[in-house]
Amino acid sequence: MKIAVFGGSFNPVHIGHLIAASYAINNGGMDKVLFIPSGNHPFIEKRKTISSDIRLEMLKNAIKNDDMFDFSTIEIDSKEISYTYDTFLKLKEIYPDDELFFIIGYDILFDLPKWNKIEELSKICSFLVMNRDTDRNKELKNIVDELTDMYNIKLNFVDSPIIGISSSDIRKHIAENKRVNYLVPDTVLEIIKREGLYGYGL
């Protein structure tokens, strides 16, 4: 089975996440997408992140009716800093016979050489690169050559639309009493309202 791992804070999960996951299956040939909400991640500021329980509840409700979407609490349950390499080591123990892929945006390609244990990571997973930017073909070719030659990284590009939605935009809209209908699933919006998240109703 080909499993695409989709990591993020999902604060909150929105339709852009779900569309990207769907394209990973339809255009990327994946059999399942495994969402992994971040725990103690080195690149995420705690002050901007709500409780993991609420983020997980929103994620569960967003994907509950899709058999090809699943989630893991592997990072939330860890008390240690969650580096991608460590997460994939644990996932490989859980899915020893499956092929693991990591969903990233094309812009992340340029940061991969700086990642913790990137060479070791490339031995246990491939990368599923979304939203290829045709305006940066020359830069992309250079970084792809570097990644494949120096680190033997396996890259798979997926044609997918660029969705101009971010969790930070949604939080900002809510704080400014603007509509976020259709930007997040209805089930997620219900939780945001119930919990008064991101300043909803203030």
Protein backbone atom coordinates (compact mmCIF):
# COMPACT_ATOMS: atom_id res chain seq x y z
CA MET A 1 0.00 0.00 0.00
CA LYS A 2 1.16 3.53 -0.78
CA ILE A 3 0.57 5.82 2.19
CA ALA A 4 0.94 9.59 1.91
CA VAL A 5 1.76 11.23 5.23
CA PHE A 6 0.33 14.72 5.65
CA GLY A 7 1.78 16.58 8.62
CA GLY A 8 0.78 19.97 9.97
CA SER A 9 -0.65 21.86 12.91
CA PHE A 10 -4.14 21.81 11.29
CA ASN A 11 -5.00 24.91 13.29
CA PRO A 12 -7.61 24.66 11.89
CA VAL A 13 -7.83 22.03 9.16
CA HIS A 14 -9.39 23.58 6.04
CA ILE A 15 -10.53 22.64 2.55
CA GLY A 16 -7.08 23.35 1.11
CA HIS A 17 -5.71 20.46 3.17
CA LEU A 18 -8.50 18.17 2.03
CA ILE A 19 -8.12 19.11 -1.63
CA ALA A 20 -4.37 18.49 -1.52
CA ALA A 21 -4.98 15.10 0.10
CA SER A 22 -7.51 14.20 -2.59
CA TYR A 23 -5.04 15.11 -5.34
CA ALA A 24 -2.41 12.95 -3.64
CA ILE A 25 -4.77 10.02 -4.17
CA ASN A 26 -6.19 10.93 -7.58
CA ASN A 27 -3.03 12.24 -9.27
CA GLY A 28 -0.32 10.88 -6.99
CA GLY A 29 -1.46 7.27 -6.98
CA MET A 30 -1.71 7.01 -3.20
CA ASP A 31 -3.92 4.42 -1.53
CA LYS A 32 -4.36 6.34 1.71
CA VAL A 33 -3.55 9.72 3.24
CA LEU A 34 -2.49 9.70 6.88
CA PHE A 35 -2.93 13.07 8.60
CA ILE A 36 -0.52 13.68 11.48
CA PRO A 37 -1.27 16.75 13.62
CA SER A 38 1.91 18.19 15.08
CA GLY A 39 2.89 17.83 18.69
CA ASN A 40 6.00 19.52 20.05
CA HIS A 41 7.36 20.55 16.66
CA PRO A 42 10.61 22.54 16.38
CA PHE A 43 9.20 24.98 13.83
CA ILE A 44 5.77 25.73 15.32
CA GLU A 45 5.25 28.43 17.91
CA LYS A 46 3.25 27.12 20.86
CA ARG A 47 1.58 30.44 21.55
CA LYS A 48 -0.18 30.31 18.17
CA THR A 49 -1.41 26.74 18.55
CA ILE A 50 -4.56 25.72 20.41
CA SER A 51 -4.75 22.47 22.38
CA SER A 52 -3.93 19.27 20.54
CA ASP A 53 -7.25 17.76 21.69
CA ILE A 54 -9.26 20.44 19.90
CA ARG A 55 -7.10 20.34 16.77
CA LEU A 56 -7.48 16.57 16.68
CA GLU A 57 -11.25 16.78 17.16
CA MET A 58 -11.53 19.19 14.22
CA LEU A 59 -9.38 16.92 12.05
CA LYS A 60 -11.36 13.80 12.96
CA ASN A 61 -14.61 15.52 12.07
CA ALA A 62 -13.22 16.83 8.79
CA ILE A 63 -12.18 13.40 7.49
CA LYS A 64 -14.62 11.04 9.24
CA ASN A 65 -16.66 10.26 6.12
CA ASP A 66 -13.70 9.43 3.86
CA ASP A 67 -12.39 5.86 3.99
CA MET A 68 -9.15 6.85 2.25
CA PHE A 69 -8.29 9.44 4.89
CA ASP A 70 -6.98 8.47 8.32
CA PHE A 71 -5.10 10.12 11.17
CA SER A 72 -2.38 9.32 13.66
CA THR A 73 -1.62 10.84 17.06
CA ILE A 74 1.99 9.70 16.91
CA GLU A 75 3.35 13.25 17.30
CA ILE A 76 0.71 14.50 19.72
CA ASP A 77 1.41 11.52 22.00
CA SER A 78 5.15 12.14 22.01
CA LYS A 79 6.62 14.27 24.78
CA GLU A 80 9.76 14.88 22.73
CA ILE A 81 10.37 17.34 19.90
CA SER A 82 8.86 15.83 16.77
CA TYR A 83 11.40 15.82 13.98
CA THR A 84 10.16 14.38 10.69
CA TYR A 85 12.83 11.68 10.64
CA ASP A 86 11.84 10.40 14.10
CA THR A 87 8.18 10.36 13.11
CA PHE A 88 8.88 8.30 10.01
CA LEU A 89 11.01 5.84 11.96
CA LYS A 90 7.99 5.17 14.17
CA LEU A 91 5.66 4.98 11.17
CA LYS A 92 7.92 2.43 9.50
CA GLU A 93 7.54 0.22 12.56
CA ILE A 94 3.76 0.52 12.30
CA TYR A 95 3.65 0.06 8.50
CA PRO A 96 6.69 -2.14 7.75
CA ASP A 97 5.35 -3.51 4.47
CA ASP A 98 3.92 -0.28 3.08
CA GLU A 99 5.53 2.42 0.95
CA LEU A 100 5.63 5.78 2.75
CA PHE A 101 5.47 9.18 1.08
CA PHE A 102 5.64 12.63 2.66
CA ILE A 103 3.39 15.36 1.25
CA ILE A 104 5.16 18.71 0.86
CA GLY A 105 4.61 21.90 -1.11
CA TYR A 106 7.09 22.73 -3.88
CA ASP A 107 8.46 25.61 -1.79
CA ILE A 108 9.63 23.18 0.91
CA LEU A 109 12.02 21.60 -1.60
CA PHE A 110 14.41 24.49 -1.14
CA ASP A 111 14.59 23.86 2.62
CA LEU A 112 15.13 20.09 2.53
CA PRO A 113 18.95 20.25 2.57
CA LYS A 114 18.68 21.96 5.99
CA TRP A 115 16.39 19.31 7.50
CA ASN A 116 17.47 17.16 10.41
CA LYS A 117 18.84 13.81 9.13
CA ILE A 118 17.53 14.41 5.60
CA GLU A 119 19.80 11.74 4.11
CA GLU A 120 18.55 9.12 6.56
CA LEU A 121 14.95 10.25 6.01
CA SER A 122 15.29 9.76 2.26
CA LYS A 123 16.02 6.07 2.86
CA ILE A 124 12.66 5.39 4.50
CA CYS A 125 10.29 7.64 2.55
CA SER A 126 9.74 9.34 -0.78
CA PHE A 127 8.45 12.88 -1.19
CA LEU A 128 5.16 13.78 -2.83
CA VAL A 129 5.57 17.35 -4.07
CA MET A 130 2.35 19.32 -4.58
CA ASN A 131 1.66 22.57 -6.45
CA ARG A 132 4.53 22.67 -8.89
CA ASP A 133 5.31 26.32 -9.71
CA THR A 134 6.01 26.55 -13.45
CA ASP A 135 7.42 30.07 -13.06
CA ARG A 136 10.41 28.70 -11.14
CA ASN A 137 11.34 25.79 -13.40
CA LYS A 138 15.05 26.64 -13.52
CA GLU A 139 15.30 26.96 -9.73
CA LEU A 140 13.32 23.77 -9.30
CA LYS A 141 15.59 21.87 -11.66
CA ASN A 142 18.66 23.01 -9.73
CA ILE A 143 17.29 21.99 -6.34
CA VAL A 144 15.92 18.70 -7.70
CA ASP A 145 19.35 17.86 -9.14
CA GLU A 146 20.98 18.70 -5.81
CA LEU A 147 18.53 16.63 -3.78
CA THR A 148 18.71 13.58 -6.01
CA ASP A 149 22.48 13.68 -6.54
CA MET A 150 23.63 14.57 -3.02
CA TYR A 151 20.96 12.93 -0.87
CA ASN A 152 19.40 10.35 -3.21
CA ILE A 153 15.98 11.79 -2.40
CA LYS A 154 13.06 10.30 -4.32
CA LEU A 155 10.73 13.04 -5.57
CA ASN A 156 7.28 12.54 -7.08
CA PHE A 157 5.57 15.64 -8.48
CA VAL A 158 1.77 15.89 -8.38
CA ASP A 159 -0.17 18.29 -10.58
CA SER A 160 -2.58 20.01 -8.23
CA PRO A 161 -4.23 23.42 -7.96
CA ILE A 162 -2.69 26.13 -5.82
CA ILE A 163 -5.30 26.81 -3.14
CA GLY A 164 -4.89 30.29 -1.70
CA ILE A 165 -6.12 29.36 1.76
CA SER A 166 -4.07 29.12 4.93
CA SER A 167 -4.93 28.37 8.52
CA SER A 168 -3.51 31.73 9.56
CA ASP A 169 -5.84 33.50 7.10
CA ILE A 170 -8.80 31.65 8.54
CA ARG A 171 -7.81 32.56 12.10
CA LYS A 172 -7.45 36.19 11.01
CA HIS A 173 -10.86 36.18 9.28
CA ILE A 174 -12.51 34.79 12.40
CA ALA A 175 -10.80 37.35 14.64
CA GLU A 176 -12.11 40.08 12.33
CA ASN A 177 -15.66 38.63 12.33
CA LYS A 178 -15.43 37.68 8.64
CA ARG A 179 -17.08 34.64 7.08
CA VAL A 180 -15.16 31.38 6.81
CA ASN A 181 -18.06 29.34 5.47
CA TYR A 182 -16.85 26.89 2.78
CA LEU A 183 -13.22 27.54 3.75
CA VAL A 184 -13.49 24.93 6.50
CA PRO A 185 -15.84 21.93 6.63
CA ASP A 186 -19.14 22.60 8.38
CA THR A 187 -18.24 20.14 11.13
CA VAL A 188 -15.05 22.09 11.83
CA LEU A 189 -16.89 25.41 11.88
CA GLU A 190 -19.31 23.99 14.45
CA ILE A 191 -16.39 23.20 16.78
CA ILE A 192 -14.89 26.67 16.24
CA LYS A 193 -18.23 28.21 17.21
CA ARG A 194 -18.75 25.90 20.18
CA GLU A 195 -15.30 26.56 21.63
CA GLY A 196 -15.11 30.23 20.65
CA LEU A 197 -11.82 29.55 18.90
CA TYR A 198 -9.66 32.28 17.38
CA GLY A 199 -11.86 34.97 18.89
CA TYR A 200 -15.08 33.71 17.34
CA GLY A 201 -18.09 35.67 18.57
CA LEU A 202 -16.08 38.34 20.37
